[in-house]
């Protein structure tokens, strides 16, 4: 998801709130139905309309939303699984979650802190000697909250999974080789702790830290510590596998004026910064488990929810693997957004127990920030 556009974000939130209020007032049945049932029915109908409009306006080939809360859950979807067959998209489909992967990685690191294997103020050099320039001055906390100053390797030409890479999209990348790309020019990194700057490099370091302390692949630890305890049967770390489980909507990218199928790719270029595959139901369950205190200690969860002093200038606050958005209705939501070519993901939960995951397959143009957060406001506010 692009950063900034704060004015458009707030405008979209307020507009959606107005749409929801107007729709509810116009529905004469609201006075005769139970309040919770009426609210869910209204929300679902409004969200369905919004998703359909994304497709009609050429901003998505497919979009789905899954909402879960204390009173149950529901799904909505619009668009097609693929442009060739035109089959309707499955509400319970799989998708690439991109940087939502970071929330899983951060959770495992905090579990290791709970076990006494590290502290958040440990320098990276203590656990991964010689790996990171200035590793003696960069802490685990700074890696997780993007204040390490480490240059993002995805800024280099040909190293972004958000862009079309032709046949190179099937190439295997080793994480330590990607770090060599990030650290090739020391002048591109900044002083540790000086500012907040989103960098995928941080989460390669975080995953290597997991592997060093546990002796197992980071994906195996995510499975053992997070996915299996919560019953996340649709969540995986694909490694070099180029495809997705069925059902799924295919992801497209505009290339030379036409949409090209970008679904199949080797996601190792993202690795622990964004390779994972999941479902809406699983991501909602993950956020409920994490933010509900089932995965980390109260102290560690408080640390994850402590946002950086340095401003992000991105429309959200950033904690340890978690983004925080303040909504105009007074609520805050926690979670993460993600992007990987052909797929946009937004997974958030409010403290009243409502969780929302939205997956969008962009068309010729991406949905605007106010499109996405208009839907979020309809659900949370």
Protein backbone atom coordinates (compact mmCIF):
# COMPACT_ATOMS: atom_id res chain seq x y z
CA UNK A 1 0.00 0.00 0.00
CA UNK A 2 1.31 3.48 -0.83
CA UNK A 3 2.08 5.78 2.06
CA UNK A 4 0.92 9.35 2.58
CA UNK A 5 -2.31 10.70 1.09
CA UNK A 6 -3.53 11.54 4.60
CA UNK A 7 -6.21 13.96 3.35
CA UNK A 8 -7.66 11.39 0.96
CA UNK A 9 -7.62 8.78 3.70
CA UNK A 10 -9.65 10.89 6.12
CA UNK A 11 -12.00 11.99 3.34
CA UNK A 12 -12.64 8.35 2.44
CA UNK A 13 -13.29 7.40 6.04
CA UNK A 14 -15.77 10.22 6.57
CA UNK A 15 -17.51 9.56 3.28
CA UNK A 16 -17.96 5.90 4.11
CA UNK A 17 -19.34 6.72 7.53
CA UNK A 18 -21.89 9.01 5.87
CA UNK A 19 -22.87 6.29 3.37
CA UNK A 20 -23.43 3.79 6.17
CA UNK A 21 -25.51 6.19 8.25
CA UNK A 22 -27.65 7.15 5.27
CA UNK A 23 -28.19 3.51 4.25
CA UNK A 24 -29.26 2.55 7.76
CA UNK A 25 -31.65 5.48 8.06
CA UNK A 26 -33.25 4.68 4.71
CA UNK A 27 -33.94 1.07 5.65
CA UNK A 28 -37.37 1.00 7.29
CA UNK A 29 -36.79 -2.53 8.63
CA UNK A 30 -34.14 -1.42 11.12
CA UNK A 31 -36.70 -0.63 13.82
CA UNK A 32 -38.12 -4.18 13.69
CA UNK A 33 -34.94 -6.30 13.61
CA UNK A 34 -32.46 -7.03 16.41
CA UNK A 35 -29.76 -4.33 16.51
CA UNK A 36 -26.75 -6.63 16.02
CA UNK A 37 -28.39 -8.57 13.20
CA UNK A 38 -29.46 -5.37 11.46
CA UNK A 39 -25.99 -3.85 11.76
CA UNK A 40 -24.33 -6.95 10.28
CA UNK A 41 -26.85 -7.11 7.42
CA UNK A 42 -26.40 -3.42 6.66
CA UNK A 43 -22.61 -3.64 6.84
CA UNK A 44 -22.47 -6.66 4.56
CA UNK A 45 -24.78 -5.11 1.98
CA UNK A 46 -22.85 -1.83 1.99
CA UNK A 47 -19.49 -3.58 1.73
CA UNK A 48 -20.80 -5.78 -1.09
CA UNK A 49 -21.80 -2.64 -2.99
CA UNK A 50 -18.38 -1.10 -2.41
CA UNK A 51 -16.55 -4.23 -3.60
CA UNK A 52 -18.71 -4.44 -6.71
CA UNK A 53 -17.95 -0.80 -7.47
CA UNK A 54 -14.20 -1.47 -7.28
CA UNK A 55 -14.63 -4.08 -10.01
CA UNK A 56 -17.04 -1.97 -12.07
CA UNK A 57 -14.66 1.02 -11.93
CA UNK A 58 -11.74 -1.05 -13.23
CA UNK A 59 -9.81 -0.88 -9.95
CA UNK A 60 -9.92 -4.62 -9.25
CA UNK A 61 -10.43 -7.89 -11.08
CA UNK A 62 -11.47 -9.44 -7.75
CA UNK A 63 -11.92 -8.35 -4.15
CA UNK A 64 -13.04 -10.14 -1.01
CA UNK A 65 -13.65 -9.22 2.61
CA UNK A 66 -13.92 -11.41 5.68
CA UNK A 67 -15.26 -9.96 8.94
CA UNK A 68 -15.27 -11.74 12.31
CA UNK A 69 -16.35 -10.53 15.73
CA UNK A 70 -17.83 -11.58 19.02
CA UNK A 71 -21.25 -12.16 17.42
CA UNK A 72 -20.11 -14.19 14.41
CA UNK A 73 -18.69 -13.57 10.97
CA UNK A 74 -19.54 -12.93 7.34
CA UNK A 75 -17.88 -12.65 3.94
CA UNK A 76 -18.42 -10.63 0.79
CA UNK A 77 -16.74 -10.82 -2.62
CA UNK A 78 -16.89 -9.39 -6.13
CA UNK A 79 -15.10 -10.05 -9.41
CA UNK A 80 -13.70 -13.14 -11.07
CA UNK A 81 -11.16 -15.85 -10.33
CA UNK A 82 -9.55 -15.26 -13.72
CA UNK A 83 -10.28 -13.04 -16.69
CA UNK A 84 -10.32 -15.94 -19.17
CA UNK A 85 -13.05 -18.06 -17.59
CA UNK A 86 -14.95 -15.29 -15.80
CA UNK A 87 -15.82 -17.65 -12.92
CA UNK A 88 -16.91 -15.79 -9.77
CA UNK A 89 -14.26 -15.30 -7.12
CA UNK A 90 -14.50 -17.57 -4.06
CA UNK A 91 -15.21 -15.76 -0.80
CA UNK A 92 -12.93 -18.16 1.08
CA UNK A 93 -10.06 -18.07 -1.43
CA UNK A 94 -6.32 -18.03 -0.79
CA UNK A 95 -4.14 -15.00 -1.57
CA UNK A 96 -0.62 -13.66 -1.14
CA UNK A 97 -0.52 -11.54 2.01
CA UNK A 98 2.69 -9.59 1.30
CA UNK A 99 3.94 -7.59 4.24
CA UNK A 100 1.31 -8.93 6.63
CA UNK A 101 3.99 -11.63 6.91
CA UNK A 102 5.93 -9.16 9.08
CA UNK A 103 3.34 -9.40 11.86
CA UNK A 104 3.91 -13.17 12.03
CA UNK A 105 7.69 -12.77 12.12
CA UNK A 106 7.52 -10.10 14.83
CA UNK A 107 5.25 -12.36 16.90
CA UNK A 108 7.82 -15.16 16.89
CA UNK A 109 10.61 -12.74 17.86
CA UNK A 110 8.51 -11.52 20.81
CA UNK A 111 7.90 -15.13 21.83
CA UNK A 112 11.66 -15.63 21.93
CA UNK A 113 11.90 -12.54 24.12
CA UNK A 114 9.28 -14.06 26.45
CA UNK A 115 11.44 -17.18 26.65
CA UNK A 116 14.49 -15.15 27.65
CA UNK A 117 16.46 -15.95 24.51
CA UNK A 118 16.85 -12.26 23.67
CA UNK A 119 15.76 -8.81 24.78
CA UNK A 120 14.40 -6.11 22.52
CA UNK A 121 17.35 -3.90 23.41
CA UNK A 122 19.97 -6.49 22.46
CA UNK A 123 22.24 -5.33 19.64
CA UNK A 124 21.88 -7.46 16.53
CA UNK A 125 25.62 -8.07 16.62
CA UNK A 126 25.20 -10.12 19.80
CA UNK A 127 23.15 -12.77 18.02
CA UNK A 128 24.22 -12.38 14.38
CA UNK A 129 27.88 -11.32 14.55
CA UNK A 130 29.30 -9.80 11.40
CA UNK A 131 26.03 -9.88 9.47
CA UNK A 132 24.78 -6.29 9.71
CA UNK A 133 26.85 -3.11 9.31
CA UNK A 134 26.70 -1.15 12.59
CA UNK A 135 25.11 -4.24 14.11
CA UNK A 136 26.49 -3.27 17.51
CA UNK A 137 24.41 -0.05 17.37
CA UNK A 138 21.17 -1.53 15.97
CA UNK A 139 18.79 -3.21 18.41
CA UNK A 140 16.23 -5.94 17.88
CA UNK A 141 13.52 -3.36 18.61
CA UNK A 142 14.82 -1.05 15.88
CA UNK A 143 14.77 -3.89 13.37
CA UNK A 144 11.14 -4.69 14.18
CA UNK A 145 9.88 -1.08 14.17
CA UNK A 146 11.82 0.09 11.09
CA UNK A 147 14.07 2.59 12.88
CA UNK A 148 17.28 0.61 12.23
CA UNK A 149 18.27 2.81 9.29
CA UNK A 150 19.02 -0.27 7.15
CA UNK A 151 18.58 0.37 3.43
CA UNK A 152 15.70 -1.46 1.74
CA UNK A 153 17.11 -3.84 -0.87
CA UNK A 154 13.80 -3.62 -2.76
CA UNK A 155 14.69 -0.07 -3.76
CA UNK A 156 17.30 -1.51 -6.11
CA UNK A 157 16.24 -2.01 -9.76
CA UNK A 158 14.88 -5.50 -10.35
CA UNK A 159 14.49 -6.35 -6.66
CA UNK A 160 10.87 -5.35 -6.00
CA UNK A 161 8.15 -8.00 -5.97
CA UNK A 162 5.60 -5.23 -6.54
CA UNK A 163 6.79 -4.79 -10.13
CA UNK A 164 6.75 -6.98 -13.22
CA UNK A 165 10.07 -8.85 -13.54
CA UNK A 166 9.41 -11.09 -16.53
CA UNK A 167 11.10 -14.49 -16.35
CA UNK A 168 13.21 -13.29 -13.39
CA UNK A 169 10.11 -13.69 -11.22
CA UNK A 170 10.85 -17.45 -11.05
CA UNK A 171 14.42 -17.01 -9.81
CA UNK A 172 15.46 -18.21 -6.35
CA UNK A 173 16.96 -15.66 -3.96
CA UNK A 174 18.84 -16.49 -0.76
CA UNK A 175 18.23 -14.08 2.14
CA UNK A 176 21.92 -13.49 2.83
CA UNK A 177 22.46 -12.61 -0.83
CA UNK A 178 19.64 -10.07 -0.56
CA UNK A 179 21.36 -8.57 2.47
CA UNK A 180 24.52 -8.18 0.39
CA UNK A 181 22.46 -6.11 -2.04
CA UNK A 182 21.12 -3.99 0.84
CA UNK A 183 24.55 -3.40 2.34
CA UNK A 184 26.54 -2.95 -0.88
CA UNK A 185 26.61 0.84 -0.49
CA UNK A 186 26.89 1.81 3.20
CA UNK A 187 25.98 5.39 2.32
CA UNK A 188 22.40 4.33 1.50
CA UNK A 189 21.70 3.34 5.12
CA UNK A 190 21.03 5.99 7.76
CA UNK A 191 21.97 6.33 11.43
CA UNK A 192 20.24 3.78 13.70
CA UNK A 193 17.30 5.32 15.55
CA UNK A 194 17.43 8.63 13.68
CA UNK A 195 14.15 8.21 11.79
CA UNK A 196 11.41 5.80 10.80
CA UNK A 197 11.84 4.34 7.33
CA UNK A 198 10.06 1.24 6.09
CA UNK A 199 12.63 -1.33 4.98
CA UNK A 200 12.06 -4.95 4.00
CA UNK A 201 15.69 -5.60 4.91
CA UNK A 202 14.73 -5.44 8.59
CA UNK A 203 12.55 -8.53 8.38
CA UNK A 204 15.17 -10.59 6.61
CA UNK A 205 17.39 -9.83 9.61
CA UNK A 206 14.54 -10.65 12.03
CA UNK A 207 13.95 -14.05 10.39
CA UNK A 208 17.65 -14.89 10.39
CA UNK A 209 17.62 -14.03 14.09
CA UNK A 210 14.77 -16.53 14.61
CA UNK A 211 16.71 -19.18 12.72
CA UNK A 212 19.91 -18.56 14.68
CA UNK A 213 18.18 -18.81 18.07
CA UNK A 214 15.94 -21.79 17.27
CA UNK A 215 18.04 -23.76 14.79
CA UNK A 216 15.00 -24.12 12.52
CA UNK A 217 13.69 -22.28 9.43
CA UNK A 218 11.63 -19.22 10.33
CA UNK A 219 8.64 -20.67 8.44
CA UNK A 220 8.76 -23.81 10.56
CA UNK A 221 8.71 -21.65 13.69
CA UNK A 222 5.75 -19.65 12.40
CA UNK A 223 3.94 -22.91 11.80
CA UNK A 224 4.87 -24.44 15.17
CA UNK A 225 4.34 -21.35 17.31
CA UNK A 226 1.51 -19.51 15.55
CA UNK A 227 -0.31 -21.36 12.78
CA UNK A 228 -0.85 -24.73 14.45
CA UNK A 229 -1.82 -23.44 17.92
CA UNK A 230 -4.45 -21.16 16.34
CA UNK A 231 -5.64 -23.68 13.76
CA UNK A 232 -4.55 -21.60 10.76
CA UNK A 233 -4.90 -24.42 8.24
CA UNK A 234 -4.84 -22.09 5.23
CA UNK A 235 -1.63 -20.25 6.12
CA UNK A 236 1.77 -21.19 4.67
CA UNK A 237 5.28 -20.03 3.83
CA UNK A 238 5.67 -21.15 0.21
CA UNK A 239 9.45 -20.85 -0.15
CA UNK A 240 10.20 -21.48 -3.84
CA UNK A 241 6.72 -22.76 -4.72
CA UNK A 242 5.35 -20.48 -7.47
CA UNK A 243 1.63 -21.25 -7.22
CA UNK A 244 -1.18 -20.81 -4.70
CA UNK A 245 -3.62 -23.40 -3.30
CA UNK A 246 -7.10 -23.54 -4.81
CA UNK A 247 -9.38 -21.71 -4.84
CA UNK A 248 -7.70 -18.38 -5.52
CA UNK A 249 -8.17 -15.34 -7.72
CA UNK A 250 -5.39 -14.75 -10.20
CA UNK A 251 -3.31 -11.62 -9.82
CA UNK A 252 -2.66 -9.30 -12.77
CA UNK A 253 -0.26 -6.49 -13.60
CA UNK A 254 -0.57 -3.90 -16.41
CA UNK A 255 2.36 -4.35 -18.81
CA UNK A 256 2.63 -2.45 -22.08
CA UNK A 257 -1.02 -1.46 -21.93
CA UNK A 258 -2.54 -4.85 -21.15
CA UNK A 259 -3.10 -6.97 -18.06
CA UNK A 260 -0.59 -9.80 -17.70
CA UNK A 261 -1.14 -12.79 -15.39
CA UNK A 262 1.37 -12.39 -12.55
CA UNK A 263 -0.02 -15.07 -10.23
CA UNK A 264 2.81 -17.57 -10.48
CA UNK A 265 6.13 -16.41 -9.11
CA UNK A 266 8.90 -17.49 -6.77
CA UNK A 267 8.31 -15.37 -3.64
CA UNK A 268 11.79 -15.95 -2.18
CA UNK A 269 12.69 -12.39 -3.18
CA UNK A 270 10.32 -11.31 -0.40
CA UNK A 271 11.06 -14.20 1.97
CA UNK A 272 10.20 -13.21 5.57
CA UNK A 273 9.35 -9.67 4.50
CA UNK A 274 6.29 -10.80 2.53
CA UNK A 275 6.15 -14.33 1.11
CA UNK A 276 3.25 -15.86 3.04
CA UNK A 277 -0.10 -17.11 1.70
CA UNK A 278 -3.27 -17.15 3.77
CA UNK A 279 -7.05 -16.63 3.85
CA UNK A 280 -9.32 -13.99 5.33
CA UNK A 281 -10.60 -16.31 8.03
CA UNK A 282 -7.05 -17.27 9.05
CA UNK A 283 -5.76 -13.70 9.21
CA UNK A 284 -8.71 -12.64 11.37
CA UNK A 285 -8.05 -15.59 13.66
CA UNK A 286 -4.35 -14.67 13.83
CA UNK A 287 -5.10 -11.08 14.85
CA UNK A 288 -7.64 -12.27 17.41
CA UNK A 289 -5.06 -14.62 18.90
CA UNK A 290 -2.23 -12.09 18.91
CA UNK A 291 -4.14 -9.02 20.09
CA UNK A 292 -6.23 -11.14 22.44
CA UNK A 293 -3.11 -12.18 24.34
CA UNK A 294 -2.91 -15.83 23.29
CA UNK A 295 0.49 -15.72 21.59
CA UNK A 296 2.75 -13.41 23.59
CA UNK A 297 2.93 -12.10 27.13
CA UNK A 298 1.12 -8.97 28.23
CA UNK A 299 4.44 -7.15 28.37
CA UNK A 300 5.42 -8.21 24.85
CA UNK A 301 2.02 -7.30 23.43
CA UNK A 302 2.32 -3.86 25.01
CA UNK A 303 5.71 -3.47 23.31
CA UNK A 304 4.25 -4.50 19.96
CA UNK A 305 1.52 -1.88 20.37
CA UNK A 306 3.94 0.92 21.29
CA UNK A 307 4.40 3.01 18.17
CA UNK A 308 7.62 4.77 17.25
CA UNK A 309 8.38 8.26 18.54
CA UNK A 310 9.63 9.11 15.07
CA UNK A 311 6.68 10.04 12.81
CA UNK A 312 6.02 7.71 9.89
CA UNK A 313 4.30 10.36 7.74
CA UNK A 314 2.39 7.42 6.27
CA UNK A 315 -1.07 7.77 7.79
CA UNK A 316 -0.41 5.20 10.50
CA UNK A 317 1.70 4.59 13.58
CA UNK A 318 4.13 1.67 13.61
CA UNK A 319 4.89 -0.62 16.54
CA UNK A 320 6.71 -3.95 16.38
CA UNK A 321 5.35 -5.56 13.24
CA UNK A 322 2.00 -3.80 13.67
CA UNK A 323 0.43 -0.75 12.05
CA UNK A 324 -2.04 1.40 13.97
CA UNK A 325 -4.75 3.48 12.28
CA UNK A 326 -6.93 5.96 14.17
CA UNK A 327 -10.44 6.10 12.71
CA UNK A 328 -12.68 9.19 12.76
CA UNK A 329 -15.22 7.44 14.99
CA UNK A 330 -12.66 7.33 17.81
CA UNK A 331 -11.61 3.70 17.35
CA UNK A 332 -8.10 2.49 16.59
CA UNK A 333 -7.35 -0.61 14.56
CA UNK A 334 -4.19 -2.72 14.65
CA UNK A 335 -2.77 -5.04 12.03
CA UNK A 336 -0.80 -4.76 8.81
CA UNK A 337 -1.21 -4.13 5.11
CA UNK A 338 0.66 -5.93 2.37
CA UNK A 339 1.41 -5.82 -1.33
CA UNK A 340 2.92 -8.34 -3.69
CA UNK A 341 2.40 -8.04 -7.44
CA UNK A 342 -1.22 -8.84 -8.27
CA UNK A 343 -2.34 -8.82 -4.62
CA UNK A 344 -3.15 -6.19 -2.00
CA UNK A 345 -4.01 -7.24 1.56
CA UNK A 346 -5.36 -5.31 4.56
CA UNK A 347 -5.81 -7.12 7.89
CA UNK A 348 -6.93 -5.17 10.99
CA UNK A 349 -8.67 -5.65 14.32
CA UNK A 350 -10.21 -3.23 16.82
CA UNK A 351 -10.14 -3.77 20.56
CA UNK A 352 -13.88 -4.49 20.62
CA UNK A 353 -13.09 -7.80 18.91
CA UNK A 354 -14.01 -6.92 15.31
CA UNK A 355 -11.48 -8.16 12.73
CA UNK A 356 -11.44 -7.44 9.00
CA UNK A 357 -9.29 -8.85 6.22
CA UNK A 358 -9.59 -7.51 2.71
CA UNK A 359 -7.82 -8.93 -0.36
CA UNK A 360 -7.82 -7.03 -3.64
CA UNK A 361 -6.49 -8.10 -7.03
CA UNK A 362 -5.83 -4.76 -8.76
CA UNK A 363 -6.82 -4.21 -12.38
CA UNK A 364 -5.40 -1.54 -14.69
CA UNK A 365 -5.24 0.86 -11.76
CA UNK A 366 -5.00 0.30 -8.03
CA UNK A 367 -7.87 1.16 -5.69
CA UNK A 368 -7.38 4.49 -3.97
CA UNK A 369 -6.60 4.74 -0.27
CA UNK A 370 -10.08 6.13 0.42
CA UNK A 371 -11.66 3.14 -1.37
CA UNK A 372 -9.99 0.72 1.01
CA UNK A 373 -10.44 2.66 4.20
CA UNK A 374 -13.96 3.59 3.28
CA UNK A 375 -14.72 -0.11 3.48
CA UNK A 376 -12.80 -0.38 6.77
CA UNK A 377 -14.78 2.48 8.30
CA UNK A 378 -18.06 0.89 7.25
CA UNK A 379 -17.04 -2.22 9.17
CA UNK A 380 -15.37 -0.73 12.24
CA UNK A 381 -17.42 2.44 12.74
